Amino acid sequence: MTKNKGKNRWNNRGFKAAFASGEGLVRVNYNHRKGELSGNGVSPCGAAVTYEFSGKMNSRSARANVDIILDGEPFAESILDMKR
């Protein structure tokens, strides 16, 4: 990602990324002021499995709750936990 305004760019406000995986679109959004991370996408395992996530991110870590959806119905929950 390069610094600028618009999709697939970052700046002091955060970033919004959207890209196509093998199965569909993936979106990741980060609001720097609020420290909020969110997004959704289609699993590389198959188009019937999608996910949505929301949580917090800073320069040291990211943590989000993930809802996994199968054929449009809630299926499972997970946690995204990353540390620098």
PDB file of N, CA and C in Angstrom:
ATOM      1  N   MET A   1       0.831  -1.166   0.000  1.00  0.00           N
ATOM      2  CA  MET A   1       0.000   0.000   0.000  1.00  0.00           C
ATOM      3  C   MET A   1       0.883   1.238   0.000  1.00  0.00           C
ATOM      4  N   THR A   2       0.484   2.215  -0.737  1.00  0.00           N
ATOM      5  CA  THR A   2       1.219   3.470  -0.756  1.00  0.00           C
ATOM      6  C   THR A   2       0.440   4.538   0.008  1.00  0.00           C
ATOM      7  N   LYS A   3       1.140   5.567   0.426  1.00  0.00           N
ATOM      8  CA  LYS A   3       0.517   6.659   1.163  1.00  0.00           C
ATOM      9  C   LYS A   3      -0.226   7.567   0.197  1.00  0.00           C
ATOM     10  N   ASN A   4      -1.487   7.846   0.519  1.00  0.00           N
ATOM     11  CA  ASN A   4      -2.317   8.737  -0.280  1.00  0.00           C
ATOM     12  C   ASN A   4      -3.736   8.641   0.242  1.00  0.00           C
ATOM     13  N   LYS A   5      -4.691   9.183  -0.479  1.00  0.00           N
ATOM     14  CA  LYS A   5      -6.107   9.069  -0.142  1.00  0.00           C
ATOM     15  C   LYS A   5      -6.758   8.050  -1.073  1.00  0.00           C
ATOM     16  N   GLY A   6      -7.840   7.456  -0.620  1.00  0.00           N
ATOM     17  CA  GLY A   6      -8.602   6.539  -1.456  1.00  0.00           C
ATOM     18  C   GLY A   6      -8.379   5.079  -1.092  1.00  0.00           C
ATOM     19  N   LYS A   7      -9.022   4.207  -1.865  1.00  0.00           N
ATOM     20  CA  LYS A   7      -8.932   2.769  -1.625  1.00  0.00           C
ATOM     21  C   LYS A   7      -7.510   2.265  -1.848  1.00  0.00           C
ATOM     22  N   ASN A   8      -7.154   1.280  -1.055  1.00  0.00           N
ATOM     23  CA  ASN A   8      -5.844   0.633  -1.130  1.00  0.00           C
ATOM     24  C   ASN A   8      -4.696   1.622  -0.948  1.00  0.00           C
ATOM     25  N   ARG A   9      -4.937   2.613  -0.113  1.00  0.00           N
ATOM     26  CA  ARG A   9      -3.935   3.606   0.255  1.00  0.00           C
ATOM     27  C   ARG A   9      -4.021   3.812   1.766  1.00  0.00           C
ATOM     28  N   TRP A  10      -2.940   4.283   2.373  1.00  0.00           N
ATOM     29  CA  TRP A  10      -2.964   4.601   3.793  1.00  0.00           C
ATOM     30  C   TRP A  10      -2.613   6.059   3.993  1.00  0.00           C
ATOM     31  N   ASN A  11      -3.060   6.624   5.107  1.00  0.00           N
ATOM     32  CA  ASN A  11      -2.699   7.984   5.490  1.00  0.00           C
ATOM     33  C   ASN A  11      -2.865   8.097   7.005  1.00  0.00           C
ATOM     34  N   ASN A  12      -2.782   9.298   7.549  1.00  0.00           N
ATOM     35  CA  ASN A  12      -2.851   9.461   9.000  1.00  0.00           C
ATOM     36  C   ASN A  12      -4.230   9.138   9.570  1.00  0.00           C
ATOM     37  N   ARG A  13      -5.233   8.951   8.739  1.00  0.00           N
ATOM     38  CA  ARG A  13      -6.555   8.548   9.198  1.00  0.00           C
ATOM     39  C   ARG A  13      -6.695   7.036   9.295  1.00  0.00           C
ATOM     40  N   GLY A  14      -5.831   6.298   8.593  1.00  0.00           N
ATOM     41  CA  GLY A  14      -5.909   4.842   8.588  1.00  0.00           C
ATOM     42  C   GLY A  14      -5.815   4.313   7.177  1.00  0.00           C
ATOM     43  N   PHE A  15      -6.586   3.262   6.900  1.00  0.00           N
ATOM     44  CA  PHE A  15      -6.597   2.731   5.537  1.00  0.00           C
ATOM     45  C   PHE A  15      -7.878   1.964   5.252  1.00  0.00           C
ATOM     46  N   LYS A  16      -8.167   1.816   3.963  1.00  0.00           N
ATOM     47  CA  LYS A  16      -9.248   0.979   3.456  1.00  0.00           C
ATOM     48  C   LYS A  16      -8.663   0.169   2.309  1.00  0.00           C
ATOM     49  N   ALA A  17      -8.685  -1.137   2.467  1.00  0.00           N
ATOM     50  CA  ALA A  17      -8.136  -2.013   1.430  1.00  0.00           C
ATOM     51  C   ALA A  17      -9.233  -2.929   0.923  1.00  0.00           C
ATOM     52  N   ALA A  18      -9.237  -3.170  -0.364  1.00  0.00           N
ATOM     53  CA  ALA A  18     -10.162  -4.112  -0.985  1.00  0.00           C
ATOM     54  C   ALA A  18      -9.397  -4.824  -2.088  1.00  0.00           C
ATOM     55  N   PHE A  19      -9.476  -6.153  -2.073  1.00  0.00           N
ATOM     56  CA  PHE A  19      -8.795  -6.921  -3.108  1.00  0.00           C
ATOM     57  C   PHE A  19      -9.537  -8.222  -3.348  1.00  0.00           C
ATOM     58  N   ALA A  20      -9.325  -8.791  -4.506  1.00  0.00           N
ATOM     59  CA  ALA A  20      -9.990 -10.041  -4.877  1.00  0.00           C
ATOM     60  C   ALA A  20      -9.116 -11.220  -4.481  1.00  0.00           C
ATOM     61  N   SER A  21      -9.723 -12.162  -3.788  1.00  0.00           N
ATOM     62  CA  SER A  21      -9.052 -13.431  -3.523  1.00  0.00           C
ATOM     63  C   SER A  21      -9.487 -14.395  -4.620  1.00  0.00           C
ATOM     64  N   GLY A  22      -9.081 -15.635  -4.517  1.00  0.00           N
ATOM     65  CA  GLY A  22      -9.495 -16.622  -5.508  1.00  0.00           C
ATOM     66  C   GLY A  22     -10.995 -16.876  -5.509  1.00  0.00           C
ATOM     67  N   GLU A  23     -11.655 -16.587  -4.378  1.00  0.00           N
ATOM     68  CA  GLU A  23     -13.086 -16.859  -4.245  1.00  0.00           C
ATOM     69  C   GLU A  23     -13.964 -15.618  -4.287  1.00  0.00           C
ATOM     70  N   GLY A  24     -13.399 -14.444  -3.986  1.00  0.00           N
ATOM     71  CA  GLY A  24     -14.223 -13.235  -3.961  1.00  0.00           C
ATOM     72  C   GLY A  24     -13.488 -12.069  -3.334  1.00  0.00           C
ATOM     73  N   LEU A  25     -14.241 -11.038  -3.010  1.00  0.00           N
ATOM     74  CA  LEU A  25     -13.688  -9.784  -2.514  1.00  0.00           C
ATOM     75  C   LEU A  25     -13.378  -9.859  -1.020  1.00  0.00           C
ATOM     76  N   VAL A  26     -12.275  -9.237  -0.625  1.00  0.00           N
ATOM     77  CA  VAL A  26     -11.868  -9.117   0.772  1.00  0.00           C
ATOM     78  C   VAL A  26     -11.714  -7.628   1.070  1.00  0.00           C
ATOM     79  N   ARG A  27     -12.263  -7.182   2.214  1.00  0.00           N
ATOM     80  CA  ARG A  27     -12.163  -5.779   2.614  1.00  0.00           C
ATOM     81  C   ARG A  27     -11.566  -5.694   4.013  1.00  0.00           C
ATOM     82  N   VAL A  28     -10.648  -4.741   4.212  1.00  0.00           N
ATOM     83  CA  VAL A  28     -10.051  -4.477   5.519  1.00  0.00           C
ATOM     84  C   VAL A  28     -10.042  -2.965   5.716  1.00  0.00           C
ATOM     85  N   ASN A  29     -10.570  -2.502   6.831  1.00  0.00           N
ATOM     86  CA  ASN A  29     -10.631  -1.076   7.144  1.00  0.00           C
ATOM     87  C   ASN A  29      -9.983  -0.826   8.495  1.00  0.00           C
ATOM     88  N   TYR A  30      -9.244   0.275   8.600  1.00  0.00           N
ATOM     89  CA  TYR A  30      -8.629   0.653   9.870  1.00  0.00           C
ATOM     90  C   TYR A  30      -8.791   2.146  10.085  1.00  0.00           C
ATOM     91  N   ASN A  31      -9.390   2.514  11.216  1.00  0.00           N
ATOM     92  CA  ASN A  31      -9.548   3.906  11.610  1.00  0.00           C
ATOM     93  C   ASN A  31      -8.489   4.195  12.674  1.00  0.00           C
ATOM     94  N   HIS A  32      -7.474   4.950  12.301  1.00  0.00           N
ATOM     95  CA  HIS A  32      -6.338   5.189  13.195  1.00  0.00           C
ATOM     96  C   HIS A  32      -6.742   5.948  14.458  1.00  0.00           C
ATOM     97  N   ARG A  33      -7.555   6.971  14.332  1.00  0.00           N
ATOM     98  CA  ARG A  33      -7.952   7.789  15.484  1.00  0.00           C
ATOM     99  C   ARG A  33      -8.672   6.947  16.539  1.00  0.00           C
ATOM    100  N   LYS A  34      -9.557   6.068  16.108  1.00  0.00           N
ATOM    101  CA  LYS A  34     -10.311   5.224  17.036  1.00  0.00           C
ATOM    102  C   LYS A  34      -9.622   3.889  17.327  1.00  0.00           C
ATOM    103  N   GLY A  35      -8.616   3.536  16.509  1.00  0.00           N
ATOM    104  CA  GLY A  35      -7.949   2.249  16.678  1.00  0.00           C
ATOM    105  C   GLY A  35      -8.813   1.072  16.282  1.00  0.00           C
ATOM    106  N   GLU A  36      -9.789   1.310  15.425  1.00  0.00           N
ATOM    107  CA  GLU A  36     -10.749   0.267  15.047  1.00  0.00           C
ATOM    108  C   GLU A  36     -10.350  -0.437  13.757  1.00  0.00           C
ATOM    109  N   LEU A  37     -10.421  -1.759  13.797  1.00  0.00           N
ATOM    110  CA  LEU A  37     -10.134  -2.618  12.664  1.00  0.00           C
ATOM    111  C   LEU A  37     -11.394  -3.401  12.323  1.00  0.00           C
ATOM    112  N   SER A  38     -11.754  -3.467  11.038  1.00  0.00           N
ATOM    113  CA  SER A  38     -12.941  -4.218  10.638  1.00  0.00           C
ATOM    114  C   SER A  38     -12.774  -4.707   9.203  1.00  0.00           C
ATOM    115  N   GLY A  39     -13.621  -5.629   8.825  1.00  0.00           N
ATOM    116  CA  GLY A  39     -13.583  -6.116   7.460  1.00  0.00           C
ATOM    117  C   GLY A  39     -14.457  -7.325   7.258  1.00  0.00           C
ATOM    118  N   ASN A  40     -14.405  -7.837   6.045  1.00  0.00           N
ATOM    119  CA  ASN A  40     -15.167  -9.029   5.683  1.00  0.00           C
ATOM    120  C   ASN A  40     -14.581  -9.613   4.417  1.00  0.00           C
ATOM    121  N   GLY A  41     -14.982 -10.824   4.124  1.00  0.00           N
ATOM    122  CA  GLY A  41     -14.475 -11.440   2.914  1.00  0.00           C
ATOM    123  C   GLY A  41     -15.031 -12.825   2.694  1.00  0.00           C
ATOM    124  N   VAL A  42     -14.524 -13.441   1.652  1.00  0.00           N
ATOM    125  CA  VAL A  42     -14.887 -14.792   1.274  1.00  0.00           C
ATOM    126  C   VAL A  42     -13.680 -15.684   1.556  1.00  0.00           C
ATOM    127  N   SER A  43     -13.932 -16.808   2.203  1.00  0.00           N
ATOM    128  CA  SER A  43     -12.852 -17.715   2.560  1.00  0.00           C
ATOM    129  C   SER A  43     -12.213 -18.337   1.322  1.00  0.00           C
ATOM    130  N   PRO A  44     -10.895 -18.536   1.341  1.00  0.00           N
ATOM    131  CA  PRO A  44     -10.246 -19.240   0.234  1.00  0.00           C
ATOM    132  C   PRO A  44     -10.649 -20.719   0.199  1.00  0.00           C
ATOM    133  N   CYS A  45     -11.311 -21.193   1.264  1.00  0.00           N
ATOM    134  CA  CYS A  45     -11.767 -22.593   1.300  1.00  0.00           C
ATOM    135  C   CYS A  45     -12.976 -22.820   0.392  1.00  0.00           C
ATOM    136  N   GLY A  46     -13.736 -21.770   0.121  1.00  0.00           N
ATOM    137  CA  GLY A  46     -14.905 -21.912  -0.742  1.00  0.00           C
ATOM    138  C   GLY A  46     -15.841 -20.735  -0.599  1.00  0.00           C
ATOM    139  N   ALA A  47     -16.573 -20.437  -1.656  1.00  0.00           N
ATOM    140  CA  ALA A  47     -17.441 -19.267  -1.702  1.00  0.00           C
ATOM    141  C   ALA A  47     -18.592 -19.341  -0.707  1.00  0.00           C
ATOM    142  N   ALA A  48     -18.936 -20.531  -0.214  1.00  0.00           N
ATOM    143  CA  ALA A  48     -20.036 -20.671   0.742  1.00  0.00           C
ATOM    144  C   ALA A  48     -19.636 -20.198   2.138  1.00  0.00           C
ATOM    145  N   VAL A  49     -18.335 -20.026   2.383  1.00  0.00           N
ATOM    146  CA  VAL A  49     -17.845 -19.619   3.696  1.00  0.00           C
ATOM    147  C   VAL A  49     -17.376 -18.166   3.610  1.00  0.00           C
ATOM    148  N   THR A  50     -18.020 -17.308   4.384  1.00  0.00           N
ATOM    149  CA  THR A  50     -17.633 -15.900   4.450  1.00  0.00           C
ATOM    150  C   THR A  50     -17.305 -15.556   5.898  1.00  0.00           C
ATOM    151  N   TYR A  51     -16.756 -14.365   6.113  1.00  0.00           N
ATOM    152  CA  TYR A  51     -16.423 -13.947   7.465  1.00  0.00           C
ATOM    153  C   TYR A  51     -16.537 -12.440   7.591  1.00  0.00           C
ATOM    154  N   GLU A  52     -16.756 -12.002   8.822  1.00  0.00           N
ATOM    155  CA  GLU A  52     -16.779 -10.590   9.181  1.00  0.00           C
ATOM    156  C   GLU A  52     -15.980 -10.449  10.467  1.00  0.00           C
ATOM    157  N   PHE A  53     -15.218  -9.373  10.603  1.00  0.00           N
ATOM    158  CA  PHE A  53     -14.458  -9.181  11.830  1.00  0.00           C
ATOM    159  C   PHE A  53     -14.461  -7.722  12.252  1.00  0.00           C
ATOM    160  N   SER A  54     -14.313  -7.499  13.554  1.00  0.00           N
ATOM    161  CA  SER A  54     -14.174  -6.148  14.086  1.00  0.00           C
ATOM    162  C   SER A  54     -13.409  -6.222  15.391  1.00  0.00           C
ATOM    163  N   GLY A  55     -12.580  -5.199  15.615  1.00  0.00           N
ATOM    164  CA  GLY A  55     -11.785  -5.177  16.824  1.00  0.00           C
ATOM    165  C   GLY A  55     -10.920  -3.939  16.896  1.00  0.00           C
ATOM    166  N   LYS A  56      -9.785  -4.073  17.552  1.00  0.00           N
ATOM    167  CA  LYS A  56      -8.873  -2.954  17.793  1.00  0.00           C
ATOM    168  C   LYS A  56      -7.487  -3.273  17.239  1.00  0.00           C
ATOM    169  N   MET A  57      -6.766  -2.226  16.849  1.00  0.00           N
ATOM    170  CA  MET A  57      -5.411  -2.386  16.361  1.00  0.00           C
ATOM    171  C   MET A  57      -4.586  -1.165  16.769  1.00  0.00           C
ATOM    172  N   ASN A  58      -3.309  -1.395  17.100  1.00  0.00           N
ATOM    173  CA  ASN A  58      -2.376  -0.307  17.342  1.00  0.00           C
ATOM    174  C   ASN A  58      -1.020  -0.726  16.785  1.00  0.00           C
ATOM    175  N   SER A  59       0.032   0.001  17.106  1.00  0.00           N
ATOM    176  CA  SER A  59       1.346  -0.295  16.520  1.00  0.00           C
ATOM    177  C   SER A  59       1.968  -1.581  17.064  1.00  0.00           C
ATOM    178  N   ARG A  60       1.405  -2.137  18.127  1.00  0.00           N
ATOM    179  CA  ARG A  60       1.966  -3.346  18.726  1.00  0.00           C
ATOM    180  C   ARG A  60       1.129  -4.604  18.505  1.00  0.00           C
ATOM    181  N   SER A  61      -0.179  -4.451  18.286  1.00  0.00           N
ATOM    182  CA  SER A  61      -1.018  -5.640  18.184  1.00  0.00           C
ATOM    183  C   SER A  61      -2.342  -5.342  17.479  1.00  0.00           C
ATOM    184  N   ALA A  62      -2.996  -6.422  17.103  1.00  0.00           N
ATOM    185  CA  ALA A  62      -4.350  -6.344  16.538  1.00  0.00           C
ATOM    186  C   ALA A  62      -5.144  -7.502  17.129  1.00  0.00           C
ATOM    187  N   ARG A  63      -6.380  -7.218  17.510  1.00  0.00           N
ATOM    188  CA  ARG A  63      -7.248  -8.258  18.054  1.00  0.00           C
ATOM    189  C   ARG A  63      -8.668  -7.966  17.586  1.00  0.00           C
ATOM    190  N   ALA A  64      -9.304  -8.993  17.037  1.00  0.00           N
ATOM    191  CA  ALA A  64     -10.660  -8.812  16.521  1.00  0.00           C
ATOM    192  C   ALA A  64     -11.474 -10.079  16.722  1.00  0.00           C
ATOM    193  N   ASN A  65     -12.764  -9.901  16.928  1.00  0.00           N
ATOM    194  CA  ASN A  65     -13.700 -11.021  16.946  1.00  0.00           C
ATOM    195  C   ASN A  65     -14.104 -11.314  15.508  1.00  0.00           C
ATOM    196  N   VAL A  66     -14.159 -12.590  15.171  1.00  0.00           N
ATOM    197  CA  VAL A  66     -14.471 -13.010  13.802  1.00  0.00           C
ATOM    198  C   VAL A  66     -15.727 -13.865  13.812  1.00  0.00           C
ATOM    199  N   ASP A  67     -16.696 -13.501  12.995  1.00  0.00           N
ATOM    200  CA  ASP A  67     -17.894 -14.311  12.781  1.00  0.00           C
ATOM    201  C   ASP A  67     -17.727 -15.048  11.467  1.00  0.00           C
ATOM    202  N   ILE A  68     -17.852 -16.365  11.502  1.00  0.00           N
ATOM    203  CA  ILE A  68     -17.734 -17.197  10.306  1.00  0.00           C
ATOM    204  C   ILE A  68     -19.135 -17.612   9.895  1.00  0.00           C
ATOM    205  N   ILE A  69     -19.441 -17.443   8.628  1.00  0.00           N
ATOM    206  CA  ILE A  69     -20.787 -17.650   8.110  1.00  0.00           C
ATOM    207  C   ILE A  69     -20.734 -18.716   7.020  1.00  0.00           C
ATOM    208  N   LEU A  70     -21.634 -19.682   7.085  1.00  0.00           N
ATOM    209  CA  LEU A  70     -21.708 -20.751   6.092  1.00  0.00           C
ATOM    210  C   LEU A  70     -23.055 -20.688   5.409  1.00  0.00           C
ATOM    211  N   ASP A  71     -23.064 -20.538   4.109  1.00  0.00           N
ATOM    212  CA  ASP A  71     -24.302 -20.440   3.325  1.00  0.00           C
ATOM    213  C   ASP A  71     -25.263 -19.404   3.893  1.00  0.00           C
ATOM    214  N   GLY A  72     -24.721 -18.261   4.335  1.00  0.00           N
ATOM    215  CA  GLY A  72     -25.542 -17.156   4.815  1.00  0.00           C
ATOM    216  C   GLY A  72     -26.023 -17.282   6.245  1.00  0.00           C
ATOM    217  N   GLU A  73     -25.645 -18.347   6.953  1.00  0.00           N
ATOM    218  CA  GLU A  73     -26.070 -18.560   8.334  1.00  0.00           C
ATOM    219  C   GLU A  73     -24.860 -18.555   9.263  1.00  0.00           C
ATOM    220  N   PRO A  74     -25.001 -18.015  10.487  1.00  0.00           N
ATOM    221  CA  PRO A  74     -23.890 -18.055  11.435  1.00  0.00           C
ATOM    222  C   PRO A  74     -23.419 -19.493  11.636  1.00  0.00           C
ATOM    223  N   PHE A  75     -22.102 -19.691  11.632  1.00  0.00           N
ATOM    224  CA  PHE A  75     -21.553 -21.037  11.714  1.00  0.00           C
ATOM    225  C   PHE A  75     -20.600 -21.196  12.898  1.00  0.00           C
ATOM    226  N   ALA A  76     -19.669 -20.246  13.058  1.00  0.00           N
ATOM    227  CA  ALA A  76     -18.678 -20.350  14.130  1.00  0.00           C
ATOM    228  C   ALA A  76     -18.148 -18.955  14.454  1.00  0.00           C
ATOM    229  N   GLU A  77     -17.454 -18.872  15.590  1.00  0.00           N
ATOM    230  CA  GLU A  77     -16.792 -17.648  15.993  1.00  0.00           C
ATOM    231  C   GLU A  77     -15.315 -17.944  16.222  1.00  0.00           C
ATOM    232  N   SER A  78     -14.484 -16.939  15.986  1.00  0.00           N
ATOM    233  CA  SER A  78     -13.052 -17.095  16.190  1.00  0.00           C
ATOM    234  C   SER A  78     -12.480 -15.763  16.654  1.00  0.00           C
ATOM    235  N   ILE A  79     -11.188 -15.743  16.926  1.00  0.00           N
ATOM    236  CA  ILE A  79     -10.506 -14.517  17.326  1.00  0.00           C
ATOM    237  C   ILE A  79      -9.251 -14.350  16.482  1.00  0.00           C
ATOM    238  N   LEU A  80      -9.079 -13.155  15.939  1.00  0.00           N
ATOM    239  CA  LEU A  80      -7.852 -12.776  15.253  1.00  0.00           C
ATOM    240  C   LEU A  80      -6.966 -12.108  16.289  1.00  0.00           C
ATOM    241  N   ASP A  81      -5.761 -12.613  16.508  1.00  0.00           N
ATOM    242  CA  ASP A  81      -4.868 -12.075  17.522  1.00  0.00           C
ATOM    243  C   ASP A  81      -3.462 -12.021  16.934  1.00  0.00           C
ATOM    244  N   MET A  82      -2.967 -10.819  16.682  1.00  0.00           N
ATOM    245  CA  MET A  82      -1.626 -10.650  16.103  1.00  0.00           C
ATOM    246  C   MET A  82      -0.816  -9.717  16.980  1.00  0.00           C
ATOM    247  N   LYS A  83       0.447 -10.053  17.157  1.00  0.00           N
ATOM    248  CA  LYS A  83       1.351  -9.208  17.937  1.00  0.00           C
ATOM    249  C   LYS A  83       2.600  -8.937  17.118  1.00  0.00           C
ATOM    250  N   ARG A  84       3.151  -7.783  17.302  1.00  0.00           N
ATOM    251  CA  ARG A  84       4.356  -7.382  16.585  1.00  0.00           C
ATOM    252  C   ARG A  84       5.578  -8.008  17.184  1.00  0.00           C
TER     253      ARG A  84
END
